Amino acid sequence: MAAPCGEIVTVQLGPFSNCLGAHWWNLQDAEISRQSHKRQQESEICSDVTYRQGVTLRGRQTYTPRLIAVDLKGGLSSLREEGFLYEDRDTTCATPAWTGNLSTHREEPQETSPLQAELRREKGEEPTAGDVLGADGTGPVGGGPVLGAPGKRFLSERSVSVWSDFLQTNLHPKSLCVVSRYSHGGSGTEGLEAYGQGEALLQEAAYGEELEDRLHFFTEECDYLQGFHLVCDLHNGFSGGGAKMAELLHDEYPGRGIFSFGTYPVPPTDRDLHRDMYQLLNCIMGIVHLSNHSSLFCPLTLSSCLGRRPGPPVALPHLLYDAESQYHSSAVLALTLDTLSAPYRTAPSRLPMVQLADALSFSGRKVMMAASSLPFPLGSSSLADAFQPYMGVPPWTCLSGCGGPHRGGESGSFSQSVVLRGASQALQISPLPPGTRPPSVLHTCSSASDTLQCYLQTVAPGAVSLASTLPAPCTLPPTFPQFFSPYVTRSGFTAETPLSEPSAVDSIPALAALQTGRALGPTLQALHKEVRGVDVRRWPSFLTAGVEEGQLEETLEELQRLAHCYTPEGDSD
C-alpha cells in the first residue's frame, strides 16, 4: 500500500498573490512535465500533494491544482470564472422556455491573451472571437511554439496585463472566485483598499459561505489532509480577508498545518500619502492576525522594508529584474516559495507541515523570513567548492522586508529550514587527488545533504537547522521571465565570463530558506514605531471601513510583543 502523500489545499487572495500563484503553478507544471519524461526519484517533489485528479462530463481525465483563487472584477481578463476545462459546448445552445419576444444584449468578448489562445489550440479547440490570431489566421500572435518545448519561450512581456495572461495551468471550476463589488486597479469606493473591507467581505454569506463550500469540496476528497497554503496580499484589503480565512481554517481544521504568506509588491515611484498609510496599516493588521491563526507566517516581498519609506528594492546577483513589474517580482517570489516548500511536498513527506512548524516556531516566533539565492552559484566544481566563498557571509538574500542580505552574525538565526535544489550526483563529491588534505570540513562530506548540514552548522552554530536537498534543479516554464544576467548558462550555472551568445535559461539550481532570526525584531519594531508616530484619526476612512480604534491599539500591542520574541532580551533560551 502506497504511503499517503499528505494533500495541501492552496488559497490565494488578491491580485499580486495570484501573480505569484500563476508563476508557482506554472513552475509545478514544468516539474510535472520533466518528471513525466524521467523516472521519478524518491527525493523528488510529488505533484499529488498540491494537485488533484478528476474527470470531465465527457469522461476526460484531468489534473488540476487543489486551489481557491479570489480576485476582483476585471482581474481575470479573458479567463472565465468557471474556466475552460469542464465546459460542455453541447449545453450552450439550450432553447429558452420563454415564448415571447426576446432581446439579446451581447458584450464584446475580451481579447484573449496569446498564451490562453495557445493553450486552447493545444487542446484542439477552435479559436474563439476574442483570440488574437497570427497573420495567417491559424494561430496566436508570435506563432507560439508548443508549450514546454526545450529552449522555446512563448510569452511576450508586453502581452501581460494581469496574472491570467501568463497562467498556463488549467483550473477546476471551483477554483476561481470573483468579487464583483470591487474593481481590479480601482480606488476609493471601487477598490478593496482597507483591512476592514476585506474582513467584512468574508463575513458575508455571499462570499464567506461560498468559500467555505469550496474548501469542503477540496478537503473532503483528501485521504490525508496535511494542511493549507494561504497566500494573500498584505498591502490592500485582502489582508483582512486573509486574516478571516486563516481564522476559519484554524477553527474548521484543527491540527492541520496553516502556512500563510503575505505578499507585498515593490511600491511604485508615483506614490501618495493616503495610499502609503493605508498599506502600512493593512500590513500591520495582517501580520498580527495572520500569525495568530497560522502555524507559520512569512512576508514575501522584494522591497527592502515594509514601511512607508522602503528604500531601493533588494539586489539579487545574476537577476536583472524590473522591481516595479509585478510579472517579474512575483516570479522571483514564486521560485522562492516553490523551493522552500519542497520538504513537505515530497512523498512520502520527509517533513510534514506540522512537524516543520513545531521545529521552527518555538518561543512564540511564528513570524518567519524567507531568503533565497537564485540561481545558486554552482559551477563545474563540487558543492563544497561552491559553498567555500560563503563561509562568513551566506549566499542568500532576505525577501521579507528585513533590509536585504543578512550576514551570519547580523541575522542571528534561531531556527531555519534550508533547501538546495540542483546538487546532482556529479557535484556531491569533491574530486581531490588521493593523499590531498581537504581544504575545509565541507570537502570531507560524502553527500549533498551532509555538505549542506555541515555548512549551516558552520555559519549558524547556535541555530536549529534543517537541511533538505533535491538532485534536480528548478525547471523553468516557457512563461517565466528571462531576466538573467549574461553570466548564467542555459542550465542555470554561473560562468566566470559573460556568455558570447546568451540563450534562454531552462533550469537553475536554487537555495531557499525559511528562518527565524533577530533581524525580525527591528523590522517589527520599526513598523510599530512608524504607526505610533502618526495620528491615525487623520485617516478616518480606514477606521470607518470596519477597524475600531481600540482594535488597532490592541494590534499594536501584539505587534510589540511579537517583536520582543526576536530580541536578545526576549530569547528565553
Protein backbone atom coordinates (compact mmCIF):
# COMPACT_ATOMS: atom_id res chain seq x y z
CA MET A 1 0.00 0.00 0.00
CA ALA A 2 1.40 3.38 -1.02
CA ALA A 3 2.21 5.86 1.72
CA PRO A 4 -0.16 8.88 1.95
CA CYS A 5 1.18 11.91 0.15
CA GLY A 6 -0.31 14.46 2.58
CA GLU A 7 -2.50 16.74 0.49
CA ILE A 8 -2.35 20.54 0.66
CA VAL A 9 -5.11 22.98 -0.33
CA THR A 10 -3.96 26.41 -1.51
CA VAL A 11 -5.95 29.63 -1.07
CA GLN A 12 -4.83 32.77 -2.97
CA LEU A 13 -6.35 36.15 -2.13
CA GLY A 14 -5.59 39.28 -4.13
CA PRO A 15 -4.08 40.35 -7.48
CA PHE A 16 -0.40 40.19 -6.51
CA SER A 17 -0.82 36.89 -4.67
CA ASN A 18 -2.45 35.47 -7.78
CA CYS A 19 0.51 36.73 -9.85
CA LEU A 20 2.79 34.76 -7.54
CA GLY A 21 0.40 31.81 -7.71
CA ALA A 22 0.31 31.81 -11.51
CA HIS A 23 4.10 31.53 -11.66
CA TRP A 24 4.11 28.91 -8.92
CA TRP A 25 1.60 26.64 -10.66
CA ASN A 26 3.49 27.09 -13.94
CA LEU A 27 6.68 26.01 -12.16
CA GLN A 28 4.91 22.93 -10.81
CA ASP A 29 3.56 22.14 -14.27
CA ALA A 30 7.10 22.31 -15.65
CA GLU A 31 8.27 19.93 -12.92
CA ILE A 32 5.45 17.50 -13.73
CA SER A 33 6.42 17.61 -17.40
CA ARG A 34 10.08 16.94 -16.51
CA GLN A 35 9.22 14.01 -14.27
CA SER A 36 6.90 12.51 -16.88
CA HIS A 37 9.92 12.09 -19.18
CA LYS A 38 12.16 10.73 -16.43
CA ARG A 39 11.74 8.11 -13.77
CA GLN A 40 10.61 9.83 -10.56
CA GLN A 41 13.18 9.60 -7.80
CA GLU A 42 12.26 9.13 -4.15
CA SER A 43 13.54 12.57 -3.15
CA GLU A 44 11.73 14.47 -5.90
CA ILE A 45 8.61 16.55 -5.40
CA CYS A 46 5.27 14.74 -5.54
CA SER A 47 2.69 16.71 -7.50
CA ASP A 48 -0.20 14.82 -5.87
CA VAL A 49 0.37 16.91 -2.75
CA THR A 50 -0.99 20.04 -4.44
CA TYR A 51 -2.83 18.61 -7.48
CA ARG A 52 -6.00 16.54 -7.77
CA GLN A 53 -7.29 14.08 -10.35
CA GLY A 54 -10.74 14.50 -11.86
CA VAL A 55 -12.98 13.62 -14.80
CA THR A 56 -14.97 15.97 -17.03
CA LEU A 57 -18.56 15.35 -18.12
CA ARG A 58 -17.18 13.86 -21.33
CA GLY A 59 -15.02 11.37 -19.43
CA ARG A 60 -11.73 13.18 -19.96
CA GLN A 61 -9.13 12.72 -17.21
CA THR A 62 -7.94 15.98 -15.65
CA TYR A 63 -5.14 17.00 -13.29
CA THR A 64 -5.76 20.40 -11.72
CA PRO A 65 -4.45 22.39 -8.72
CA ARG A 66 -6.20 21.97 -5.39
CA LEU A 67 -6.73 25.73 -5.39
CA ILE A 68 -9.15 28.52 -4.48
CA ALA A 69 -8.15 31.87 -6.03
CA VAL A 70 -10.04 35.08 -5.19
CA ASP A 71 -9.67 38.27 -7.22
CA LEU A 72 -11.57 41.44 -8.07
CA LYS A 73 -13.75 42.25 -11.07
CA GLY A 74 -11.57 42.70 -14.15
CA GLY A 75 -8.70 40.68 -12.71
CA LEU A 76 -9.22 37.60 -14.87
CA SER A 77 -9.04 39.26 -18.29
CA SER A 78 -10.32 36.69 -20.84
CA LEU A 79 -10.15 33.77 -18.38
CA ARG A 80 -13.70 32.77 -17.46
CA GLU A 81 -14.57 32.30 -13.79
CA GLU A 82 -15.70 28.73 -14.46
CA GLY A 83 -12.60 28.06 -16.56
CA PHE A 84 -12.48 26.21 -19.88
CA LEU A 85 -11.59 22.68 -18.86
CA TYR A 86 -15.00 21.38 -17.80
CA GLU A 87 -17.18 23.32 -20.22
CA ASP A 88 -19.83 21.38 -22.13
CA ARG A 89 -20.35 23.03 -25.51
CA ASP A 90 -23.48 20.94 -26.18
CA THR A 91 -25.42 22.76 -23.46
CA THR A 92 -24.66 26.29 -24.62
CA CYS A 93 -27.47 26.41 -27.18
CA ALA A 94 -30.37 25.36 -24.96
CA THR A 95 -33.80 26.58 -26.12
CA PRO A 96 -35.29 29.18 -23.73
CA ALA A 97 -38.62 28.37 -22.07
CA TRP A 98 -39.95 31.93 -22.71
CA THR A 99 -42.10 32.10 -25.87
CA GLY A 100 -42.47 35.89 -26.07
CA ASN A 101 -40.20 38.46 -27.67
CA LEU A 102 -36.52 38.16 -26.79
CA SER A 103 -33.97 40.95 -26.61
CA THR A 104 -30.32 39.89 -26.75
CA HIS A 105 -27.60 42.09 -25.25
CA ARG A 106 -24.18 40.82 -26.21
CA GLU A 107 -20.97 42.11 -24.64
CA GLU A 108 -17.86 42.18 -26.81
CA PRO A 109 -15.54 39.35 -25.71
CA GLN A 110 -12.32 40.39 -24.07
CA GLU A 111 -9.24 39.90 -26.15
CA THR A 112 -7.72 36.54 -25.30
CA SER A 113 -4.07 36.61 -24.31
CA PRO A 114 -1.69 34.83 -26.71
CA LEU A 115 -0.90 32.21 -24.07
CA GLN A 116 -4.56 31.35 -23.40
CA ALA A 117 -5.18 31.10 -27.15
CA GLU A 118 -2.21 28.74 -27.45
CA LEU A 119 -3.49 26.58 -24.59
CA ARG A 120 -6.83 26.17 -26.33
CA ARG A 121 -5.11 25.39 -29.63
CA GLU A 122 -3.05 22.66 -27.97
CA LYS A 123 -6.28 21.13 -26.60
CA GLY A 124 -7.65 21.01 -30.14
CA GLU A 125 -10.28 23.72 -29.58
CA GLU A 126 -11.38 26.13 -32.25
CA PRO A 127 -10.30 29.78 -31.87
CA THR A 128 -12.86 31.99 -30.15
CA ALA A 129 -13.92 35.51 -31.06
CA GLY A 130 -11.53 37.02 -28.54
CA ASP A 131 -8.43 35.11 -29.63
CA VAL A 132 -5.61 37.16 -31.11
CA LEU A 133 -4.66 35.25 -34.27
CA GLY A 134 -1.46 35.44 -36.22
CA ALA A 135 -1.11 36.94 -39.66
CA ASP A 136 -2.01 33.65 -41.32
CA GLY A 137 -5.12 33.29 -39.17
CA THR A 138 -4.07 29.87 -37.89
CA GLY A 139 -2.52 30.60 -34.53
CA PRO A 140 -1.81 33.19 -31.91
CA VAL A 141 0.46 36.16 -32.42
CA GLY A 142 4.10 35.11 -32.41
CA GLY A 143 3.40 31.71 -33.98
CA GLY A 144 3.59 30.15 -30.50
CA PRO A 145 5.70 27.00 -30.24
CA VAL A 146 4.44 24.00 -28.38
CA LEU A 147 4.34 24.86 -24.69
CA GLY A 148 7.19 23.30 -22.81
CA ALA A 149 9.34 22.74 -25.88
CA PRO A 150 13.01 22.89 -24.79
CA GLY A 151 14.64 26.26 -25.28
CA LYS A 152 11.46 27.94 -26.54
CA ARG A 153 9.86 30.99 -24.93
CA PHE A 154 6.30 31.74 -25.87
CA LEU A 155 5.22 34.72 -23.79
CA SER A 156 5.97 38.33 -24.66
CA GLU A 157 6.09 40.56 -21.58
CA ARG A 158 4.22 43.25 -23.49
CA SER A 159 1.18 40.96 -23.62
CA VAL A 160 0.96 40.66 -19.81
CA SER A 161 -1.55 42.88 -18.02
CA VAL A 162 -2.99 40.56 -15.35
CA TRP A 163 -1.92 37.23 -13.88
CA SER A 164 -4.25 35.13 -16.01
CA ASP A 165 -2.35 36.28 -19.11
CA PHE A 166 0.59 34.04 -18.16
CA LEU A 167 -1.21 31.23 -16.32
CA GLN A 168 -0.65 28.05 -18.35
CA THR A 169 -2.35 25.68 -15.87
CA ASN A 170 -5.96 24.62 -16.36
CA LEU A 171 -8.10 25.25 -13.27
CA HIS A 172 -11.10 23.45 -11.81
CA PRO A 173 -14.45 25.34 -11.97
CA LYS A 174 -14.42 25.52 -8.16
CA SER A 175 -11.09 27.35 -8.15
CA LEU A 176 -11.88 30.88 -9.32
CA CYS A 177 -13.97 33.32 -7.29
CA VAL A 178 -14.51 36.93 -8.40
CA VAL A 179 -15.54 39.71 -6.02
CA SER A 180 -17.77 41.75 -8.31
CA ARG A 181 -18.30 44.58 -5.82
CA TYR A 182 -14.74 45.89 -6.19
CA SER A 183 -12.73 46.52 -9.35
CA HIS A 184 -9.21 45.48 -10.22
CA GLY A 185 -6.99 48.56 -10.03
CA GLY A 186 -9.84 50.66 -8.60
CA SER A 187 -9.53 53.26 -5.87
CA GLY A 188 -11.89 54.82 -3.36
CA THR A 189 -15.23 53.04 -3.20
CA GLU A 190 -14.34 50.88 -6.22
CA GLY A 191 -11.17 49.41 -4.73
CA LEU A 192 -10.62 47.00 -1.85
CA GLU A 193 -8.20 49.30 -0.03
CA ALA A 194 -8.76 48.81 3.72
CA TYR A 195 -8.27 45.86 6.06
CA GLY A 196 -11.81 46.19 7.41
CA GLN A 197 -13.33 45.89 3.93
CA GLY A 198 -11.67 42.53 3.32
CA GLU A 199 -12.55 41.29 6.80
CA ALA A 200 -16.22 42.23 6.31
CA LEU A 201 -16.25 40.65 2.85
CA LEU A 202 -15.57 37.15 4.17
CA GLN A 203 -18.18 37.59 6.90
CA GLU A 204 -20.92 37.99 4.27
CA ALA A 205 -22.85 34.88 3.34
CA ALA A 206 -22.41 35.57 -0.39
CA TYR A 207 -18.64 35.13 -0.16
CA GLY A 208 -17.87 33.55 3.21
CA GLU A 209 -20.23 30.60 2.79
CA GLU A 210 -19.26 30.19 -0.85
CA LEU A 211 -15.56 29.94 0.03
CA GLU A 212 -16.35 27.56 2.86
CA ASP A 213 -18.29 25.29 0.46
CA ARG A 214 -15.34 25.28 -1.94
CA LEU A 215 -12.97 24.42 0.88
CA HIS A 216 -15.14 21.44 1.78
CA PHE A 217 -15.17 20.34 -1.85
CA PHE A 218 -11.36 20.13 -1.98
CA THR A 219 -10.71 18.88 1.56
CA GLU A 220 -13.35 16.14 1.71
CA GLU A 221 -11.77 14.27 -1.22
CA CYS A 222 -8.34 14.21 0.50
CA ASP A 223 -7.15 10.93 2.03
CA TYR A 224 -4.69 12.61 4.39
CA LEU A 225 -5.03 16.39 4.54
CA GLN A 226 -1.67 17.78 5.56
CA GLY A 227 -2.66 21.44 5.71
CA PHE A 228 -3.10 24.69 3.82
CA HIS A 229 -1.12 27.28 1.94
CA LEU A 230 -2.68 30.71 2.41
CA VAL A 231 -1.18 33.34 0.10
CA CYS A 232 -2.72 36.80 0.42
CA ASP A 233 -1.90 40.43 -0.33
CA LEU A 234 -0.68 42.37 2.69
CA HIS A 235 -0.91 45.87 1.23
CA ASN A 236 -4.65 46.05 0.43
CA GLY A 237 -7.98 44.92 1.86
CA PHE A 238 -7.21 41.27 1.13
CA SER A 239 -5.05 41.48 4.26
CA GLY A 240 -8.27 41.45 6.29
CA GLY A 241 -9.76 38.73 4.08
CA GLY A 242 -6.67 36.60 4.63
CA ALA A 243 -6.93 37.05 8.41
CA LYS A 244 -10.55 35.86 8.39
CA MET A 245 -9.64 32.93 6.15
CA ALA A 246 -6.81 31.92 8.49
CA GLU A 247 -9.25 32.09 11.41
CA LEU A 248 -11.73 29.90 9.51
CA LEU A 249 -9.06 27.32 8.68
CA HIS A 250 -7.82 27.32 12.28
CA ASP A 251 -11.32 26.70 13.65
CA GLU A 252 -12.57 24.25 10.99
CA TYR A 253 -9.42 22.14 10.61
CA PRO A 254 -7.66 21.86 13.99
CA GLY A 255 -4.35 20.05 13.97
CA ARG A 256 -3.63 20.84 10.31
CA GLY A 257 -0.71 22.99 9.21
CA ILE A 258 -1.54 26.54 8.06
CA PHE A 259 1.40 28.23 6.33
CA SER A 260 0.48 31.83 5.50
CA PHE A 261 2.49 34.00 3.11
CA GLY A 262 1.80 37.75 2.92
CA THR A 263 2.75 39.17 -0.47
CA TYR A 264 3.81 42.81 -0.82
CA PRO A 265 4.83 44.30 -4.20
CA VAL A 266 7.56 46.91 -4.57
CA PRO A 267 5.77 50.30 -4.25
CA PRO A 268 5.62 52.35 -7.46
CA THR A 269 7.53 55.62 -7.73
CA ASP A 270 4.33 57.69 -8.06
CA ARG A 271 3.07 57.09 -4.53
CA ASP A 272 0.79 59.22 -2.37
CA LEU A 273 0.49 59.71 1.39
CA HIS A 274 -3.05 58.33 1.59
CA ARG A 275 -2.25 55.01 -0.09
CA ASP A 276 1.06 54.61 1.77
CA MET A 277 -0.66 54.96 5.14
CA TYR A 278 -3.38 52.50 4.18
CA GLN A 279 -0.76 49.97 3.07
CA LEU A 280 1.17 50.37 6.32
CA LEU A 281 -1.93 49.82 8.45
CA ASN A 282 -3.08 46.88 6.31
CA CYS A 283 0.37 45.34 6.64
CA ILE A 284 0.49 45.65 10.44
CA MET A 285 -3.03 44.31 10.91
CA GLY A 286 -2.30 41.42 8.57
CA ILE A 287 1.00 40.41 10.19
CA VAL A 288 -0.53 40.23 13.67
CA HIS A 289 -3.81 38.50 12.85
CA LEU A 290 -2.44 36.12 10.22
CA SER A 291 0.31 34.97 12.57
CA ASN A 292 -2.24 34.50 15.39
CA HIS A 293 -4.22 31.89 13.46
CA SER A 294 -1.44 30.29 11.38
CA SER A 295 1.22 27.72 12.11
CA LEU A 296 3.75 29.98 10.39
CA PHE A 297 3.51 33.39 8.76
CA CYS A 298 6.08 34.75 6.31
CA PRO A 299 6.05 38.09 4.40
CA LEU A 300 7.24 37.82 0.79
CA THR A 301 8.50 40.98 -0.90
CA LEU A 302 11.37 42.40 -2.94
CA SER A 303 11.01 45.69 -1.10
CA SER A 304 13.81 46.36 1.37
CA CYS A 305 11.30 47.12 4.15
CA LEU A 306 7.54 47.11 4.74
CA GLY A 307 7.22 50.71 5.94
CA ARG A 308 6.26 53.89 4.10
CA ARG A 309 9.89 54.61 3.14
CA PRO A 310 11.00 51.30 1.66
CA GLY A 311 14.23 52.45 0.02
CA PRO A 312 15.66 50.64 -3.01
CA PRO A 313 14.47 47.10 -3.75
CA VAL A 314 16.76 44.21 -2.88
CA ALA A 315 19.55 43.43 -5.32
CA LEU A 316 19.84 39.82 -6.47
CA PRO A 317 23.08 38.67 -8.12
CA HIS A 318 22.59 37.46 -11.69
CA LEU A 319 18.94 38.64 -11.84
CA LEU A 320 18.27 41.78 -13.89
CA TYR A 321 14.64 42.11 -12.87
CA ASP A 322 12.33 45.12 -13.06
CA ALA A 323 11.28 45.67 -9.44
CA GLU A 324 8.09 47.55 -10.32
CA SER A 325 6.94 44.85 -12.74
CA GLN A 326 4.66 42.53 -10.80
CA TYR A 327 5.24 39.92 -13.51
CA HIS A 328 8.96 39.99 -12.63
CA SER A 329 8.81 40.37 -8.85
CA SER A 330 6.16 37.68 -8.39
CA ALA A 331 8.30 35.27 -10.45
CA VAL A 332 11.22 35.68 -8.02
CA LEU A 333 8.96 35.14 -5.01
CA ALA A 334 7.22 32.14 -6.62
CA LEU A 335 10.55 30.46 -7.30
CA THR A 336 11.50 31.05 -3.66
CA LEU A 337 8.19 29.59 -2.42
CA ASP A 338 8.49 26.62 -4.75
CA THR A 339 11.92 25.80 -3.28
CA LEU A 340 11.36 26.41 0.44
CA SER A 341 8.10 24.39 0.39
CA ALA A 342 9.83 21.33 -1.08
CA PRO A 343 10.43 19.40 2.20
CA TYR A 344 6.73 18.76 2.82
CA ARG A 345 5.85 18.24 -0.85
CA THR A 346 7.79 15.01 -1.29
CA ALA A 347 6.12 11.60 -0.99
CA PRO A 348 6.25 10.15 1.49
CA SER A 349 6.70 13.53 3.14
CA ARG A 350 10.03 13.65 4.91
CA LEU A 351 8.94 16.62 6.98
CA PRO A 352 5.17 17.28 7.26
CA MET A 353 3.94 20.85 7.70
CA VAL A 354 3.02 20.43 11.37
CA GLN A 355 6.40 18.98 12.27
CA LEU A 356 8.23 21.71 10.36
CA ALA A 357 6.21 24.40 12.14
CA ASP A 358 6.94 22.84 15.54
CA ALA A 359 10.66 22.75 14.75
CA LEU A 360 10.86 26.39 13.63
CA SER A 361 8.32 28.38 15.66
CA PHE A 362 9.32 27.73 19.27
CA SER A 363 9.20 30.54 21.89
CA GLY A 364 6.29 32.27 20.11
CA ARG A 365 8.29 33.03 16.95
CA LYS A 366 5.59 32.32 14.37
CA VAL A 367 6.67 35.16 12.05
CA MET A 368 9.32 33.93 9.59
CA MET A 369 11.51 35.46 6.96
CA ALA A 370 12.28 33.96 3.56
CA ALA A 371 15.68 34.10 1.88
CA SER A 372 16.97 32.71 -1.39
CA SER A 373 19.86 32.51 -3.80
CA LEU A 374 18.56 32.41 -7.39
CA PRO A 375 20.39 30.93 -9.13
CA PHE A 376 22.64 29.35 -6.52
CA PRO A 377 26.21 29.93 -7.78
CA LEU A 378 27.17 26.42 -8.83
CA GLY A 379 29.94 25.97 -11.32
CA SER A 380 31.57 22.87 -12.70
CA SER A 381 33.32 22.14 -9.39
CA SER A 382 31.92 20.37 -6.34
CA LEU A 383 29.20 21.56 -3.95
CA ALA A 384 31.79 22.06 -1.22
CA ASP A 385 33.76 24.38 -3.53
CA ALA A 386 30.58 26.34 -4.24
CA PHE A 387 29.99 26.99 -0.52
CA GLN A 388 33.63 27.79 0.21
CA PRO A 389 33.45 31.56 -0.61
CA TYR A 390 30.43 31.95 1.70
CA MET A 391 31.79 30.58 4.96
CA GLY A 392 31.41 34.02 6.57
CA VAL A 393 28.58 35.52 4.52
CA PRO A 394 25.70 33.22 3.47
CA PRO A 395 24.83 33.44 -0.24
CA TRP A 396 21.12 34.10 0.26
CA THR A 397 19.22 37.40 0.27
CA CYS A 398 16.29 38.14 2.56
CA LEU A 399 12.96 38.52 0.72
CA SER A 400 10.77 39.51 3.69
CA GLY A 401 11.40 43.24 4.02
CA CYS A 402 14.15 42.90 6.63
CA GLY A 403 16.71 45.06 4.86
CA GLY A 404 18.20 42.79 2.19
CA PRO A 405 21.18 40.47 2.73
CA HIS A 406 21.92 39.19 6.22
CA ARG A 407 25.38 38.29 7.33
CA GLY A 408 25.88 35.42 9.71
CA GLY A 409 26.06 37.34 12.98
CA GLU A 410 23.58 40.04 11.95
CA SER A 411 20.70 37.68 11.20
CA GLY A 412 21.20 35.76 14.45
CA SER A 413 19.18 32.79 13.29
CA PHE A 414 17.22 30.87 15.92
CA SER A 415 15.92 28.23 13.53
CA GLN A 416 15.91 27.62 9.78
CA SER A 417 14.84 25.17 7.12
CA VAL A 418 17.15 25.39 4.10
CA VAL A 419 16.52 23.66 0.76
CA LEU A 420 19.06 23.19 -2.03
CA ARG A 421 17.91 22.10 -5.48
CA GLY A 422 20.20 21.10 -8.33
CA ALA A 423 23.00 19.33 -6.45
CA SER A 424 23.42 16.42 -8.84
CA GLN A 425 25.38 13.31 -8.01
CA ALA A 426 28.37 14.56 -10.01
CA LEU A 427 28.67 17.66 -7.80
CA GLN A 428 28.31 15.97 -4.43
CA ILE A 429 31.81 14.55 -4.03
CA SER A 430 34.95 16.72 -4.15
CA PRO A 431 37.37 15.46 -6.85
CA LEU A 432 40.51 15.65 -4.70
CA PRO A 433 43.60 13.63 -5.65
CA PRO A 434 44.46 10.78 -3.23
CA GLY A 435 46.53 11.98 -0.29
CA THR A 436 45.43 15.62 -0.67
CA ARG A 437 44.40 17.40 2.51
CA PRO A 438 40.77 18.65 2.27
CA PRO A 439 40.64 22.48 2.11
CA SER A 440 37.71 22.54 4.57
CA VAL A 441 35.47 20.28 6.59
CA LEU A 442 32.86 20.55 3.81
CA HIS A 443 35.16 18.62 1.48
CA THR A 444 35.02 15.60 3.81
CA CYS A 445 31.23 15.18 3.43
CA SER A 446 30.01 12.28 1.33
CA SER A 447 26.62 13.62 0.21
CA ALA A 448 24.90 16.89 -0.70
CA SER A 449 22.68 16.70 2.40
CA ASP A 450 25.70 16.27 4.69
CA THR A 451 27.52 19.14 2.96
CA LEU A 452 24.56 21.50 3.38
CA GLN A 453 24.02 20.49 7.02
CA CYS A 454 27.71 20.97 7.78
CA TYR A 455 27.65 24.40 6.12
CA LEU A 456 24.61 25.51 8.14
CA GLN A 457 26.22 24.41 11.39
CA THR A 458 29.30 26.41 10.45
CA VAL A 459 27.59 29.72 9.62
CA ALA A 460 24.84 29.43 12.29
CA PRO A 461 26.25 27.21 15.05
CA GLY A 462 23.58 28.05 17.63
CA ALA A 463 20.54 27.63 15.39
CA VAL A 464 18.21 24.69 14.80
CA SER A 465 19.00 23.94 11.15
CA LEU A 466 17.07 21.54 8.92
CA ALA A 467 18.76 20.73 5.61
CA SER A 468 16.98 19.32 2.54
CA THR A 469 18.47 18.62 -0.88
CA LEU A 470 16.97 17.61 -4.21
CA PRO A 471 19.21 16.47 -7.05
CA ALA A 472 17.09 18.04 -9.81
CA PRO A 473 17.21 21.82 -10.41
CA CYS A 474 14.16 24.09 -10.74
CA THR A 475 12.68 23.61 -14.20
CA LEU A 476 11.55 26.94 -15.65
CA PRO A 477 8.36 27.05 -17.75
CA PRO A 478 8.20 28.97 -21.05
CA THR A 479 6.17 31.68 -19.27
CA PHE A 480 8.97 32.50 -16.81
CA PRO A 481 10.67 35.89 -17.43
CA GLN A 482 14.16 35.75 -18.89
CA PHE A 483 15.77 38.33 -16.60
CA PHE A 484 19.05 36.50 -16.01
CA SER A 485 22.47 38.10 -16.42
CA PRO A 486 24.75 37.05 -19.33
CA TYR A 487 26.83 35.05 -16.81
CA VAL A 488 24.05 32.44 -16.41
CA THR A 489 24.15 29.43 -18.74
CA ARG A 490 21.17 27.63 -20.21
CA SER A 491 21.31 25.09 -17.35
CA GLY A 492 21.46 27.83 -14.72
CA PHE A 493 25.12 27.51 -13.81
CA THR A 494 27.18 30.66 -13.35
CA ALA A 495 30.16 31.29 -15.62
CA GLU A 496 33.22 33.39 -14.79
CA THR A 497 32.92 35.40 -18.01
CA PRO A 498 29.82 36.64 -19.88
CA LEU A 499 28.46 34.27 -22.47
CA SER A 500 29.09 35.35 -26.05
CA GLU A 501 25.65 34.13 -27.13
CA PRO A 502 23.26 34.00 -24.13
CA SER A 503 20.38 31.56 -24.57
CA ALA A 504 17.10 31.08 -22.74
CA VAL A 505 17.62 29.62 -19.27
CA ASP A 506 15.67 26.36 -18.92
CA SER A 507 16.53 25.42 -15.32
CA ILE A 508 18.51 26.78 -12.38
CA PRO A 509 19.96 25.43 -9.13
CA ALA A 510 18.28 27.21 -6.21
CA LEU A 511 18.83 27.69 -2.50
CA ALA A 512 15.98 28.94 -0.28
CA ALA A 513 15.49 29.25 3.45
CA LEU A 514 12.61 29.75 5.88
CA GLN A 515 14.10 31.32 9.01
CA THR A 516 13.51 32.95 12.36
CA GLY A 517 16.20 35.39 13.44
CA ARG A 518 16.97 38.54 15.39
CA ALA A 519 16.60 40.64 12.22
CA LEU A 520 12.83 40.32 12.57
CA GLY A 521 12.85 42.17 15.91
CA PRO A 522 13.98 45.56 14.50
CA THR A 523 11.73 45.05 11.46
CA LEU A 524 8.56 44.60 13.53
CA GLN A 525 9.63 47.29 15.99
CA ALA A 526 10.13 49.79 13.15
CA LEU A 527 6.58 49.16 11.90
CA HIS A 528 5.22 49.70 15.42
CA LYS A 529 7.18 52.93 15.83
CA GLU A 530 6.05 54.26 12.46
CA VAL A 531 2.36 53.91 13.28
CA ARG A 532 2.85 55.29 16.79
CA GLY A 533 4.39 58.40 15.25
CA VAL A 534 1.23 59.43 13.36
CA ASP A 535 -2.33 60.32 14.34
CA VAL A 536 -4.41 57.55 12.79
CA ARG A 537 -7.56 59.68 13.17
CA ARG A 538 -6.33 61.71 10.19
CA TRP A 539 -7.38 58.68 8.10
CA PRO A 540 -10.95 58.22 9.35
CA SER A 541 -12.00 56.21 6.30
CA PHE A 542 -9.69 53.38 7.39
CA LEU A 543 -11.44 53.23 10.75
CA THR A 544 -14.94 53.58 9.32
CA ALA A 545 -14.19 50.65 6.96
CA GLY A 546 -14.52 48.29 9.91
CA VAL A 547 -11.48 48.64 12.20
CA GLU A 548 -12.16 50.33 15.53
CA GLU A 549 -9.54 52.49 17.19
CA GLY A 550 -9.39 50.13 20.18
CA GLN A 551 -8.78 47.17 17.86
CA LEU A 552 -5.87 49.00 16.26
CA GLU A 553 -4.38 49.78 19.69
CA GLU A 554 -4.63 46.13 20.67
CA THR A 555 -2.98 45.09 17.39
CA LEU A 556 -0.06 47.46 18.03
CA GLU A 557 0.46 45.96 21.49
CA GLU A 558 0.51 42.46 19.98
CA LEU A 559 2.98 43.63 17.34
CA GLN A 560 5.30 44.88 20.06
CA ARG A 561 5.06 41.54 21.87
CA LEU A 562 5.91 39.77 18.63
CA ALA A 563 8.95 41.99 18.14
CA HIS A 564 10.08 41.21 21.69
CA CYS A 565 10.27 37.48 20.82
CA TYR A 566 13.14 38.20 18.43
CA THR A 567 15.27 40.44 20.66
CA PRO A 568 18.08 39.08 22.86
CA GLU A 569 16.09 40.07 25.96
CA GLY A 570 13.08 38.09 24.71
CA ASP A 571 15.16 35.00 23.99
CA SER A 572 14.32 32.72 26.89
CA ASP A 573 16.81 30.16 25.55
